[in-house]
Amino acid sequence: MQKGGLVINERTAQVMRFAGLVVPLVLFLYGVLIKYGLADSTHYTGDALFFGLMIPWTLLAFLQFLRPSTTWSGAGIRFAVYHLLSATYILFISGFLAPITPTWILLFLASYAYFSSFGLRLSILFFVLVVEADCLLHSSNVTVLISDTLTLILVLIVGLTAVAVARIQEIDGAELSRTKALESLQRDRILTIVNNLADAVMSTDEDGIVRVYNAACLNLLDTNISLNGHHIDEVMKLYEGGDKQISLYGQLKKSRSVVIRDDLTMSLEDETIRLEVTYSPIRSSYSRSKKAKPQDGYIVILRDVTKAKSLEEERDEFISVVSHELRTPITITEGTISNVQLMMERSDIAQDILKEAIATAHDQIIYLSKMVNDLSTLSRAERGVADTPETIEVRGLVDDLYKEYAPQAEAKKLQFNLDLGTRLGEISASRLYLKELLQNFITNAIKYTREGSITLIVKRTEDTITFEVKDTGIGISKSDQTKIFNKFYRSEDYRTRETSGTGLGLYVAAQLSKQLGTKIKYQSRLNHGSTFGITLPAIDKNGK
């Protein structure tokens, strides 16, 4: 049954039923006292009415206690009977100066609880009518009139006060329930947000015991064991400076505001990861003093920055190396041109000397140009720019490369040979990347071959095409072969140092091959030449 005024929970309903069971027993005992003259018997009219009244009242009390009403109409009938029984007891058994007076206050509360303000008004009206009836029955008794009037005033004041207090408690209870529901909703929202964060988040109490954490935290720690109830120093062991273990809880206790640290590492089973740790005390919004020691716990945010740190260090190293590589040719070019300017002001300087100086400056500018081109190619390869695949006719690509580099080989008195298979067909790849990769192989072969030949070999199997550039040059030692794809690496071989180079060529080639979806294969022997090549899938006759 839907309740009326107050929010009636099961415990409150049980208390009301118990009170309803006790009241008729108390009134029965008081009636016995009246019967034997031990209490005021002014209103007592006889035993028959007394016992005829108490028996149905007691039965109704037991019925209400054992089988409470579940409908509006049933509850209304029972409350009406309670009011009639109470009125009869007052008018013909005890009067108002008896335990019946607080009983009516209970009727006020129960009427309001089950039937809201409408039930309360009816109960008050019925009580006033009972008081008037008692006054009419005992109009000649001044004591009774005064007693009834005082009782009416007292019961109304106490009853309405009790109802008002109950109403206030109801409002407070409803507000508390609403606040709890809102708090629960906010907590669920925050937990949903936290669980969907990519960063690992955990919250501890003031003693460093983990209370809240998200899925990313388990991923970072590489575990599926619950962290709840464990101490934060037990969950993760952090190191400062690589080998000095620190207590994260100790750091938390020292914090007074948000602290961000990116110099910490954590060791897992087979790796060491670098962390950016952000932590802060959780301060209650009801704290009286901002200087008070935080007692509400701490929030910790963890982020794996291993890759970012490696990229940052690699970037710094790259800038340092590029700056160093650029400094030498720029210095030589600047010094040479300055000397040429001074020599041009003198008439006794031979033209051959000027030409030689200008040629030196020009060579350095060409070197700078090559480095810029290599860096540009590297940038495109690493960012995937211009990597759109297109259908390439292999024979046409080979002819273009031969026409472009045969003159350079001839200028060094080298033979540039072609070793081509039949029916080469087509491939699907980025033309720019493939051409730059093969150009890299060919230019290196020409550069490091003093005599002999360079051969561009292109062969097709059933579903692949292999491109190889073979030379009879100086070759690469075994010790250098493990480093040739490193950025800015150049062999210490004096023959390598005699030629200009940026040390980026094969590193760029490796990046280009990666973008093409293949890998560079090479064979080399010191003083016997080298062979570099790649293999790409061919397009079959059906265009697949």
Protein backbone atom coordinates (compact mmCIF):
# COMPACT_ATOMS: atom_id res chain seq x y z
CA MET A 1 0.00 0.00 0.00
CA GLN A 2 1.28 3.45 -0.90
CA LYS A 3 1.78 5.56 2.19
CA GLY A 4 0.46 9.04 2.76
CA GLY A 5 2.53 11.57 4.73
CA LEU A 6 5.68 10.17 6.25
CA VAL A 7 7.88 7.67 4.51
CA ILE A 8 6.91 4.46 6.30
CA ASN A 9 9.64 1.86 6.21
CA GLU A 10 9.27 -1.63 7.61
CA ARG A 11 10.85 -0.82 10.97
CA THR A 12 8.60 2.20 11.54
CA ALA A 13 5.54 0.13 10.65
CA GLN A 14 6.62 -2.57 13.13
CA VAL A 15 7.01 0.04 15.90
CA MET A 16 3.51 1.39 15.20
CA ARG A 17 1.99 -2.11 15.25
CA PHE A 18 3.76 -2.90 18.51
CA ALA A 19 2.48 0.34 20.08
CA GLY A 20 -1.01 -0.52 18.87
CA LEU A 21 -0.68 -3.90 20.63
CA VAL A 22 0.57 -2.44 23.93
CA VAL A 23 -1.95 0.44 24.22
CA PRO A 24 -5.11 -1.70 24.83
CA LEU A 25 -3.25 -3.70 27.49
CA VAL A 26 -2.28 -0.51 29.33
CA LEU A 27 -5.82 0.89 29.04
CA PHE A 28 -7.24 -2.40 30.32
CA LEU A 29 -5.06 -2.22 33.44
CA TYR A 30 -6.06 1.42 33.98
CA GLY A 31 -9.74 0.45 33.65
CA VAL A 32 -9.26 -2.21 36.32
CA LEU A 33 -7.84 0.45 38.63
CA ILE A 34 -10.92 2.60 37.98
CA LYS A 35 -13.22 -0.39 38.63
CA TYR A 36 -11.77 -0.96 42.08
CA GLY A 37 -11.66 2.74 42.98
CA LEU A 38 -7.93 3.15 42.72
CA ALA A 39 -8.31 5.86 40.05
CA ASP A 40 -10.82 8.63 39.25
CA SER A 41 -14.14 6.94 38.37
CA THR A 42 -16.15 10.03 37.40
CA HIS A 43 -16.67 8.74 33.81
CA TYR A 44 -16.93 4.98 34.59
CA THR A 45 -20.36 3.66 33.54
CA GLY A 46 -20.08 -0.04 34.28
CA ASP A 47 -18.26 -3.30 33.78
CA ALA A 48 -20.30 -4.48 30.82
CA LEU A 49 -19.29 -1.52 28.66
CA PHE A 50 -15.70 -1.68 29.88
CA PHE A 51 -15.20 -5.35 29.01
CA GLY A 52 -17.34 -5.06 25.89
CA LEU A 53 -15.00 -2.27 24.74
CA MET A 54 -11.65 -3.83 25.62
CA ILE A 55 -12.26 -7.25 24.04
CA PRO A 56 -12.76 -6.02 20.43
CA TRP A 57 -9.99 -3.42 20.91
CA THR A 58 -7.53 -6.13 21.95
CA LEU A 59 -8.60 -8.39 19.09
CA LEU A 60 -8.17 -5.51 16.61
CA ALA A 61 -4.69 -4.79 18.01
CA PHE A 62 -3.62 -8.42 17.55
CA LEU A 63 -5.10 -8.48 14.06
CA GLN A 64 -3.20 -5.31 13.09
CA PHE A 65 -0.01 -6.71 14.58
CA LEU A 66 -0.23 -10.07 12.84
CA ARG A 67 -1.91 -9.06 9.58
CA PRO A 68 -1.40 -5.36 8.81
CA SER A 69 -3.69 -3.84 6.22
CA THR A 70 -2.36 -3.63 2.67
CA THR A 71 -5.08 -1.44 1.12
CA TRP A 72 -6.30 2.13 1.59
CA SER A 73 -9.83 1.11 2.41
CA GLY A 74 -8.76 -1.54 4.96
CA ALA A 75 -6.44 0.89 6.72
CA GLY A 76 -9.13 3.59 6.72
CA ILE A 77 -11.68 1.28 8.34
CA ARG A 78 -9.24 0.19 11.04
CA PHE A 79 -8.25 3.78 11.84
CA ALA A 80 -11.93 4.75 12.10
CA VAL A 81 -12.53 1.86 14.54
CA TYR A 82 -9.47 2.92 16.60
CA HIS A 83 -10.85 6.47 16.84
CA LEU A 84 -14.34 5.23 17.89
CA LEU A 85 -12.87 2.90 20.52
CA SER A 86 -10.67 5.69 21.90
CA ALA A 87 -13.61 8.12 22.02
CA THR A 88 -15.83 5.58 23.80
CA TYR A 89 -13.11 4.83 26.35
CA ILE A 90 -12.66 8.56 27.09
CA LEU A 91 -16.37 9.36 27.34
CA PHE A 92 -17.58 6.33 29.35
CA ILE A 93 -14.55 4.83 31.11
CA SER A 94 -11.66 7.15 31.98
CA GLY A 95 -12.11 10.72 30.86
CA PHE A 96 -9.17 12.72 29.61
CA LEU A 97 -7.01 12.51 32.70
CA ALA A 98 -5.79 9.04 31.81
CA PRO A 99 -3.25 7.20 29.59
CA ILE A 100 -5.70 7.67 26.71
CA THR A 101 -4.40 11.21 26.21
CA PRO A 102 -0.96 10.19 24.78
CA THR A 103 -2.79 7.46 22.88
CA TRP A 104 -4.54 10.12 20.86
CA ILE A 105 -1.21 11.73 20.05
CA LEU A 106 -0.18 8.36 18.58
CA LEU A 107 -3.40 8.45 16.54
CA PHE A 108 -2.38 11.88 15.19
CA LEU A 109 1.01 10.53 14.08
CA ALA A 110 -0.41 7.34 12.58
CA SER A 111 -3.16 9.24 10.73
CA TYR A 112 -0.65 11.63 9.24
CA ALA A 113 1.73 8.79 8.40
CA TYR A 114 -0.85 6.77 6.51
CA PHE A 115 -3.22 9.43 5.19
CA SER A 116 -1.11 12.60 5.08
CA SER A 117 -2.56 15.96 6.17
CA PHE A 118 -6.12 14.89 5.30
CA GLY A 119 -5.98 12.07 7.83
CA LEU A 120 -4.42 14.39 10.43
CA ARG A 121 -7.21 16.97 10.04
CA LEU A 122 -9.90 14.32 10.44
CA SER A 123 -8.19 12.95 13.56
CA ILE A 124 -7.94 16.44 15.10
CA LEU A 125 -11.56 17.22 14.22
CA PHE A 126 -12.77 13.98 15.77
CA PHE A 127 -10.73 14.69 18.92
CA VAL A 128 -12.27 18.16 19.25
CA LEU A 129 -15.75 16.64 18.88
CA VAL A 130 -14.97 14.12 21.61
CA VAL A 131 -13.83 16.93 23.91
CA GLU A 132 -17.08 18.87 23.21
CA ALA A 133 -19.16 15.75 23.82
CA ASP A 134 -17.42 15.15 27.16
CA CYS A 135 -18.03 18.76 28.15
CA LEU A 136 -21.76 18.40 27.31
CA LEU A 137 -22.05 15.14 29.28
CA HIS A 138 -20.39 16.76 32.33
CA SER A 139 -21.48 20.38 31.92
CA SER A 140 -22.25 20.70 35.63
CA ASN A 141 -18.77 19.60 36.65
CA VAL A 142 -16.46 22.61 36.47
CA THR A 143 -13.41 20.48 37.16
CA VAL A 144 -14.14 18.29 34.15
CA LEU A 145 -14.72 21.31 31.91
CA ILE A 146 -11.43 22.86 32.91
CA SER A 147 -9.62 19.54 32.58
CA ASP A 148 -11.08 18.88 29.13
CA THR A 149 -10.14 22.35 27.90
CA LEU A 150 -6.55 22.06 29.14
CA THR A 151 -6.29 18.56 27.73
CA LEU A 152 -7.54 19.74 24.34
CA ILE A 153 -4.97 22.52 24.22
CA LEU A 154 -2.16 20.32 25.49
CA VAL A 155 -2.89 17.42 23.14
CA LEU A 156 -3.19 19.69 20.12
CA ILE A 157 0.09 21.44 20.93
CA VAL A 158 2.00 18.25 21.65
CA GLY A 159 0.38 16.35 18.78
CA LEU A 160 0.99 19.04 16.17
CA THR A 161 4.54 19.52 17.47
CA ALA A 162 5.19 15.81 17.17
CA VAL A 163 3.78 15.81 13.64
CA ALA A 164 5.90 18.85 12.73
CA VAL A 165 9.02 17.20 14.10
CA ALA A 166 8.20 14.04 12.19
CA ARG A 167 7.66 16.11 9.03
CA ILE A 168 11.03 17.83 9.48
CA GLN A 169 12.69 14.48 9.99
CA GLU A 170 10.93 13.23 6.88
CA ILE A 171 12.25 16.17 4.86
CA ASP A 172 15.75 15.70 6.27
CA GLY A 173 15.57 11.98 5.56
CA ALA A 174 14.39 12.61 2.01
CA GLU A 175 17.17 15.15 1.49
CA LEU A 176 19.70 12.72 2.93
CA SER A 177 18.43 9.97 0.63
CA ARG A 178 18.56 12.33 -2.34
CA THR A 179 22.09 13.39 -1.40
CA LYS A 180 23.18 9.77 -1.04
CA ALA A 181 21.65 8.91 -4.40
CA LEU A 182 23.36 11.92 -6.01
CA GLU A 183 26.64 11.01 -4.35
CA SER A 184 26.29 7.44 -5.59
CA LEU A 185 25.53 8.72 -9.10
CA GLN A 186 28.52 11.07 -9.03
CA ARG A 187 30.75 8.26 -7.78
CA ASP A 188 29.54 5.96 -10.55
CA ARG A 189 30.17 8.70 -13.12
CA ILE A 190 33.67 9.35 -11.80
CA LEU A 191 34.46 5.62 -11.76
CA THR A 192 33.19 5.31 -15.33
CA ILE A 193 35.41 8.20 -16.43
CA VAL A 194 38.41 6.84 -14.52
CA ASN A 195 37.95 3.34 -15.93
CA ASN A 196 37.91 4.72 -19.47
CA LEU A 197 41.08 6.79 -19.07
CA ALA A 198 44.15 5.62 -20.96
CA ASP A 199 46.38 6.65 -18.05
CA ALA A 200 46.66 4.46 -14.97
CA VAL A 201 44.82 6.04 -12.02
CA MET A 202 44.69 4.88 -8.42
CA SER A 203 43.45 6.43 -5.20
CA THR A 204 44.65 5.57 -1.71
CA ASP A 205 43.50 6.40 1.79
CA GLU A 206 45.63 8.43 4.17
CA ASP A 207 47.65 5.30 5.07
CA GLY A 208 48.57 4.54 1.46
CA ILE A 209 46.15 1.63 1.06
CA VAL A 210 44.78 1.37 -2.49
CA ARG A 211 41.00 1.89 -2.55
CA VAL A 212 40.21 2.76 -6.17
CA TYR A 213 42.03 1.91 -9.42
CA ASN A 214 41.20 1.54 -13.10
CA ALA A 215 41.82 -1.10 -15.76
CA ALA A 216 44.75 0.86 -17.21
CA CYS A 217 46.47 0.48 -13.84
CA LEU A 218 46.32 -3.31 -14.12
CA ASN A 219 47.63 -3.10 -17.69
CA LEU A 220 50.55 -0.92 -16.63
CA LEU A 221 51.46 -3.25 -13.75
CA ASP A 222 50.90 -6.29 -16.00
CA THR A 223 48.68 -8.07 -13.48
CA ASN A 224 45.09 -9.19 -13.07
CA ILE A 225 45.21 -9.43 -9.27
CA SER A 226 42.99 -7.03 -7.32
CA LEU A 227 44.94 -4.11 -5.89
CA ASN A 228 42.25 -3.13 -3.39
CA GLY A 229 43.51 -3.28 0.19
CA HIS A 230 47.20 -3.46 -0.76
CA HIS A 231 49.73 -0.80 0.23
CA ILE A 232 50.89 1.32 -2.70
CA ASP A 233 54.57 0.58 -2.00
CA GLU A 234 53.72 -3.11 -2.09
CA VAL A 235 51.92 -2.72 -5.42
CA MET A 236 54.71 -0.87 -7.24
CA LYS A 237 58.41 -0.43 -6.56
CA LEU A 238 59.80 2.78 -8.02
CA TYR A 239 63.40 3.77 -8.61
CA GLU A 240 64.99 7.18 -8.85
CA GLY A 241 68.06 7.67 -10.99
CA GLY A 242 67.85 4.11 -12.25
CA ASP A 243 68.95 2.21 -9.12
CA LYS A 244 67.83 4.10 -6.00
CA GLN A 245 64.56 2.67 -4.71
CA ILE A 246 62.12 5.20 -3.25
CA SER A 247 58.89 4.95 -1.29
CA LEU A 248 56.00 6.40 -3.27
CA TYR A 249 53.96 6.63 -0.07
CA GLY A 250 56.76 8.68 1.46
CA GLN A 251 56.60 11.05 -1.50
CA LEU A 252 52.82 11.27 -1.15
CA LYS A 253 53.05 12.26 2.51
CA LYS A 254 55.48 15.06 1.64
CA SER A 255 53.24 16.53 -1.07
CA ARG A 256 51.12 19.61 -0.34
CA SER A 257 49.89 20.19 -3.89
CA VAL A 258 50.07 18.58 -7.32
CA VAL A 259 53.51 17.08 -8.03
CA ILE A 260 54.64 15.85 -11.46
CA ARG A 261 57.76 13.71 -11.82
CA ASP A 262 59.12 12.10 -14.99
CA ASP A 263 62.41 10.79 -13.62
CA LEU A 264 61.10 7.57 -12.08
CA THR A 265 61.35 4.01 -13.36
CA MET A 266 59.60 0.78 -12.47
CA SER A 267 60.93 -2.73 -12.97
CA LEU A 268 58.65 -5.46 -14.20
CA GLU A 269 59.63 -9.06 -14.83
CA ASP A 270 61.61 -8.57 -18.04
CA GLU A 271 61.75 -4.83 -18.64
CA THR A 272 62.20 -1.45 -17.05
CA ILE A 273 59.68 1.22 -17.93
CA ARG A 274 59.97 4.96 -17.43
CA LEU A 275 57.06 6.67 -15.76
CA GLU A 276 55.55 10.10 -15.50
CA VAL A 277 53.94 10.14 -12.06
CA THR A 278 51.44 12.83 -11.06
CA TYR A 279 50.22 12.76 -7.47
CA SER A 280 48.34 15.03 -5.12
CA PRO A 281 46.71 14.91 -1.67
CA ILE A 282 42.92 14.73 -1.63
CA ARG A 283 41.65 17.57 0.52
CA SER A 284 38.11 17.59 1.90
CA SER A 285 36.05 20.57 0.76
CA TYR A 286 34.87 20.91 4.38
CA SER A 287 38.36 21.31 5.78
CA ARG A 288 38.54 24.23 8.19
CA SER A 289 42.15 25.01 7.48
CA LYS A 290 44.06 24.88 4.23
CA LYS A 291 47.20 24.14 6.25
CA ALA A 292 45.68 21.10 7.87
CA LYS A 293 47.40 17.80 7.21
CA PRO A 294 45.51 15.95 4.47
CA GLN A 295 43.71 13.00 5.97
CA ASP A 296 41.47 12.01 3.10
CA GLY A 297 44.02 10.14 0.98
CA TYR A 298 45.92 10.65 -2.27
CA ILE A 299 45.36 10.41 -6.01
CA VAL A 300 48.11 9.01 -8.26
CA ILE A 301 48.21 9.12 -12.08
CA LEU A 302 50.80 6.98 -13.87
CA ARG A 303 51.83 7.20 -17.52
CA ASP A 304 54.30 5.00 -19.39
CA VAL A 305 56.64 7.46 -21.14
CA THR A 306 59.31 4.94 -22.11
CA LYS A 307 58.71 5.38 -25.84
CA ALA A 308 58.28 9.15 -25.58
CA LYS A 309 61.53 9.49 -23.63
CA SER A 310 63.36 7.31 -26.14
CA LEU A 311 62.04 9.43 -28.99
CA GLU A 312 63.02 12.59 -27.14
CA GLU A 313 66.55 11.33 -26.56
CA GLU A 314 66.77 10.15 -30.16
CA ARG A 315 65.60 13.55 -31.36
CA ASP A 316 68.19 15.34 -29.20
CA GLU A 317 70.91 13.03 -30.49
CA PHE A 318 69.75 13.56 -34.07
CA ILE A 319 69.86 17.36 -33.68
CA SER A 320 73.30 17.13 -32.12
CA VAL A 321 74.68 14.93 -34.91
CA VAL A 322 73.11 17.00 -37.69
CA SER A 323 74.49 20.17 -36.15
CA HIS A 324 77.93 18.60 -36.01
CA GLU A 325 77.72 17.29 -39.59
CA LEU A 326 76.56 20.66 -40.90
CA ARG A 327 79.15 22.66 -39.02
CA THR A 328 82.16 21.31 -40.92
CA PRO A 329 81.00 21.97 -44.52
CA ILE A 330 79.51 25.33 -43.56
CA THR A 331 82.77 26.38 -41.89
CA ILE A 332 84.84 25.22 -44.87
CA THR A 333 82.52 26.96 -47.33
CA GLU A 334 82.45 30.19 -45.36
CA GLY A 335 86.24 30.22 -44.93
CA THR A 336 86.90 29.38 -48.57
CA ILE A 337 84.58 32.06 -49.93
CA SER A 338 86.08 34.63 -47.53
CA ASN A 339 89.56 33.74 -48.81
CA VAL A 340 88.38 34.02 -52.41
CA GLN A 341 87.01 37.50 -51.71
CA LEU A 342 90.37 38.57 -50.29
CA MET A 343 92.34 36.96 -53.13
CA MET A 344 90.17 38.64 -55.76
CA GLU A 345 91.27 42.02 -54.42
CA ARG A 346 94.90 41.13 -55.24
CA SER A 347 96.17 41.05 -58.80
CA ASP A 348 99.05 38.65 -58.13
CA ILE A 349 96.82 35.63 -57.29
CA ALA A 350 96.72 33.02 -60.06
CA GLN A 351 93.37 32.08 -61.54
CA ASP A 352 94.05 28.41 -60.86
CA ILE A 353 94.17 29.08 -57.12
CA LEU A 354 90.84 30.92 -57.27
CA LYS A 355 89.25 28.14 -59.28
CA GLU A 356 90.48 25.54 -56.83
CA ALA A 357 89.09 27.47 -53.86
CA ILE A 358 85.72 27.96 -55.56
CA ALA A 359 85.62 24.25 -56.46
CA THR A 360 86.23 23.38 -52.80
CA ALA A 361 83.36 25.61 -51.71
CA HIS A 362 81.17 24.13 -54.42
CA ASP A 363 81.95 20.57 -53.27
CA GLN A 364 80.91 21.48 -49.74
CA ILE A 365 77.67 23.00 -50.99
CA ILE A 366 76.97 19.83 -52.97
CA TYR A 367 77.61 17.86 -49.79
CA LEU A 368 75.11 20.08 -47.91
CA SER A 369 72.60 19.63 -50.70
CA LYS A 370 72.93 15.85 -50.50
CA MET A 371 72.41 15.95 -46.75
CA VAL A 372 69.30 18.11 -47.13
CA ASN A 373 67.96 15.74 -49.79
CA ASP A 374 68.64 12.73 -47.56
CA LEU A 375 66.92 14.42 -44.61
CA SER A 376 63.96 15.31 -46.82
CA THR A 377 63.69 11.73 -48.05
CA LEU A 378 64.00 10.43 -44.50
CA SER A 379 61.24 12.77 -43.34
CA ARG A 380 58.91 11.62 -46.11
CA ALA A 381 59.62 7.96 -45.37
CA GLU A 382 59.08 8.27 -41.61
CA ARG A 383 55.85 10.26 -42.04
CA GLY A 384 54.54 8.10 -44.87
CA VAL A 385 54.19 11.03 -47.27
CA ALA A 386 53.71 10.19 -50.97
CA ASP A 387 53.36 6.49 -50.19
CA THR A 388 50.33 5.97 -52.42
CA PRO A 389 50.94 2.79 -54.41
CA GLU A 390 50.67 2.85 -58.20
CA THR A 391 51.21 0.38 -60.98
CA ILE A 392 54.83 0.53 -62.15
CA GLU A 393 56.09 -1.00 -65.38
CA VAL A 394 59.39 -2.51 -64.22
CA ARG A 395 61.27 -2.38 -67.53
CA GLY A 396 60.50 1.31 -67.94
CA LEU A 397 61.75 2.05 -64.40
CA VAL A 398 65.01 0.17 -65.09
CA ASP A 399 65.57 2.04 -68.35
CA ASP A 400 65.11 5.39 -66.59
CA LEU A 401 67.65 4.45 -63.92
CA TYR A 402 70.15 3.26 -66.51
CA LYS A 403 69.90 6.47 -68.55
CA GLU A 404 70.35 8.57 -65.43
CA TYR A 405 73.36 6.79 -63.89
CA ALA A 406 75.22 5.28 -66.84
CA PRO A 407 76.95 8.62 -67.54
CA GLN A 408 78.11 8.87 -63.91
CA ALA A 409 79.56 5.37 -64.04
CA GLU A 410 81.23 6.09 -67.32
CA ALA A 411 82.76 9.25 -65.85
CA LYS A 412 84.55 7.01 -63.29
CA LYS A 413 85.48 4.56 -66.06
CA LEU A 414 83.12 1.94 -64.65
CA GLN A 415 80.87 -0.38 -66.58
CA PHE A 416 77.15 -0.11 -65.79
CA ASN A 417 75.53 -3.40 -66.75
CA LEU A 418 71.94 -4.63 -66.78
CA ASP A 419 71.00 -8.23 -65.98
CA LEU A 420 67.27 -8.50 -66.64
CA GLY A 421 64.94 -11.45 -66.72
CA THR A 422 62.22 -11.97 -69.27
CA ARG A 423 58.62 -10.81 -68.85
CA LEU A 424 59.32 -8.59 -65.83
CA GLY A 425 55.77 -7.26 -65.83
CA GLU A 426 54.48 -4.76 -63.25
CA ILE A 427 54.45 -4.11 -59.54
CA SER A 428 52.23 -2.01 -57.26
CA ALA A 429 54.23 0.30 -55.00
CA SER A 430 55.09 3.93 -54.33
CA ARG A 431 57.09 5.01 -57.39
CA LEU A 432 58.87 7.74 -55.42
CA TYR A 433 59.99 5.40 -52.62
CA LEU A 434 61.09 2.58 -54.94
CA LYS A 435 63.05 4.88 -57.22
CA GLU A 436 64.78 6.66 -54.32
CA LEU A 437 65.70 3.30 -52.79
CA LEU A 438 67.25 1.95 -56.00
CA GLN A 439 69.00 5.27 -56.61
CA ASN A 440 70.52 4.95 -53.14
CA PHE A 441 71.91 1.50 -54.00
CA ILE A 442 73.29 2.66 -57.36
CA THR A 443 74.92 5.90 -56.10
CA ASN A 444 76.61 4.01 -53.25
CA ALA A 445 77.90 1.40 -55.72
CA ILE A 446 79.33 4.09 -58.00
CA LYS A 447 80.80 6.02 -55.07
CA TYR A 448 82.63 3.10 -53.46
CA THR A 449 83.78 1.28 -56.62
CA ARG A 450 87.16 2.36 -57.96
CA GLU A 451 87.35 -0.04 -60.88
CA GLY A 452 85.25 -2.77 -62.40
CA SER A 453 81.50 -2.65 -62.82
CA ILE A 454 78.09 -2.01 -61.32
CA THR A 455 75.28 -4.36 -62.31
CA LEU A 456 71.57 -3.72 -61.88
CA ILE A 457 69.90 -7.15 -61.64
CA VAL A 458 66.13 -7.55 -61.98
CA LYS A 459 64.62 -11.04 -61.95
CA ARG A 460 61.08 -12.31 -61.70
CA THR A 461 59.88 -15.51 -60.08
CA GLU A 462 56.30 -16.69 -60.27
CA ASP A 463 54.88 -14.01 -57.95
CA THR A 464 57.80 -11.74 -56.91
CA ILE A 465 60.35 -9.43 -58.51
CA THR A 466 63.84 -9.02 -57.06
CA PHE A 467 65.92 -5.85 -57.53
CA GLU A 468 69.66 -6.07 -56.81
CA VAL A 469 72.62 -3.76 -57.31
CA LYS A 470 75.97 -5.55 -57.42
CA ASP A 471 79.36 -3.84 -57.50
CA THR A 472 83.03 -4.75 -57.48
CA GLY A 473 83.90 -2.04 -54.98
CA ILE A 474 85.73 -1.90 -51.68
CA GLY A 475 83.17 -4.01 -49.85
CA ILE A 476 82.18 -3.82 -46.18
CA SER A 477 83.99 -5.47 -43.27
CA LYS A 478 82.06 -7.82 -40.98
CA SER A 479 82.45 -5.43 -38.06
CA ASP A 480 80.91 -2.60 -40.08
CA GLN A 481 78.05 -4.71 -41.47
CA THR A 482 76.23 -4.63 -38.12
CA LYS A 483 76.23 -0.80 -38.14
CA ILE A 484 75.66 0.22 -41.75
CA PHE A 485 71.95 0.94 -41.20
CA ASN A 486 72.61 3.22 -38.22
CA LYS A 487 71.92 6.89 -38.60
CA PHE A 488 75.03 8.96 -39.56
CA TYR A 489 77.30 5.94 -39.45
CA ARG A 490 80.34 5.91 -41.74
CA SER A 491 83.05 3.26 -41.78
CA GLU A 492 86.51 4.10 -40.47
CA ASP A 493 88.01 2.59 -43.65
CA TYR A 494 90.22 5.29 -45.19
CA ARG A 495 88.74 4.54 -48.63
CA THR A 496 85.31 5.41 -47.27
CA ARG A 497 86.58 8.59 -45.69
CA GLU A 498 88.10 9.67 -49.01
CA THR A 499 84.57 10.05 -50.41
CA SER A 500 82.05 12.58 -49.22
CA GLY A 501 78.97 11.20 -47.53
CA THR A 502 76.40 12.06 -44.89
CA GLY A 503 76.10 8.65 -43.26
CA LEU A 504 72.35 8.75 -43.88
CA GLY A 505 72.12 6.80 -47.13
CA LEU A 506 71.52 3.26 -45.91
CA TYR A 507 69.50 4.46 -42.91
CA VAL A 508 67.17 6.26 -45.33
CA ALA A 509 67.15 3.16 -47.54
CA ALA A 510 66.04 1.02 -44.59
CA GLN A 511 63.18 3.43 -43.84
CA LEU A 512 62.10 3.43 -47.49
CA SER A 513 62.13 -0.38 -47.63
CA LYS A 514 60.00 -0.45 -44.49
CA GLN A 515 57.44 1.82 -46.14
CA LEU A 516 57.45 -0.45 -49.20
CA GLY A 517 56.72 -3.47 -47.01
CA THR A 518 60.02 -5.25 -47.63
CA LYS A 519 63.48 -5.61 -46.12
CA ILE A 520 66.92 -4.96 -47.52
CA LYS A 521 69.08 -8.04 -48.10
CA TYR A 522 72.79 -7.65 -48.64
CA GLN A 523 76.01 -9.58 -49.15
CA SER A 524 79.43 -8.02 -48.87
CA ARG A 525 83.05 -9.00 -48.50
CA LEU A 526 85.88 -6.60 -47.88
CA ASN A 527 87.76 -5.83 -51.12
CA HIS A 528 85.38 -8.03 -53.14
CA GLY A 529 82.34 -5.80 -53.53
CA SER A 530 78.76 -5.73 -52.26
CA THR A 531 75.26 -6.66 -53.34
CA PHE A 532 72.15 -4.90 -52.03
CA GLY A 533 68.61 -5.89 -52.98
CA ILE A 534 64.91 -6.04 -52.19
CA THR A 535 62.00 -8.26 -53.21
CA LEU A 536 58.49 -7.01 -54.01
CA PRO A 537 55.31 -8.85 -54.98
CA ALA A 538 54.55 -8.81 -58.70
CA ILE A 539 51.20 -8.13 -60.31
CA ASP A 540 49.96 -11.24 -62.12
CA LYS A 541 48.35 -11.23 -65.53
CA ASN A 542 44.91 -10.79 -63.98
CA GLY A 543 46.02 -7.54 -62.35
CA LYS A 544 46.14 -8.95 -58.81
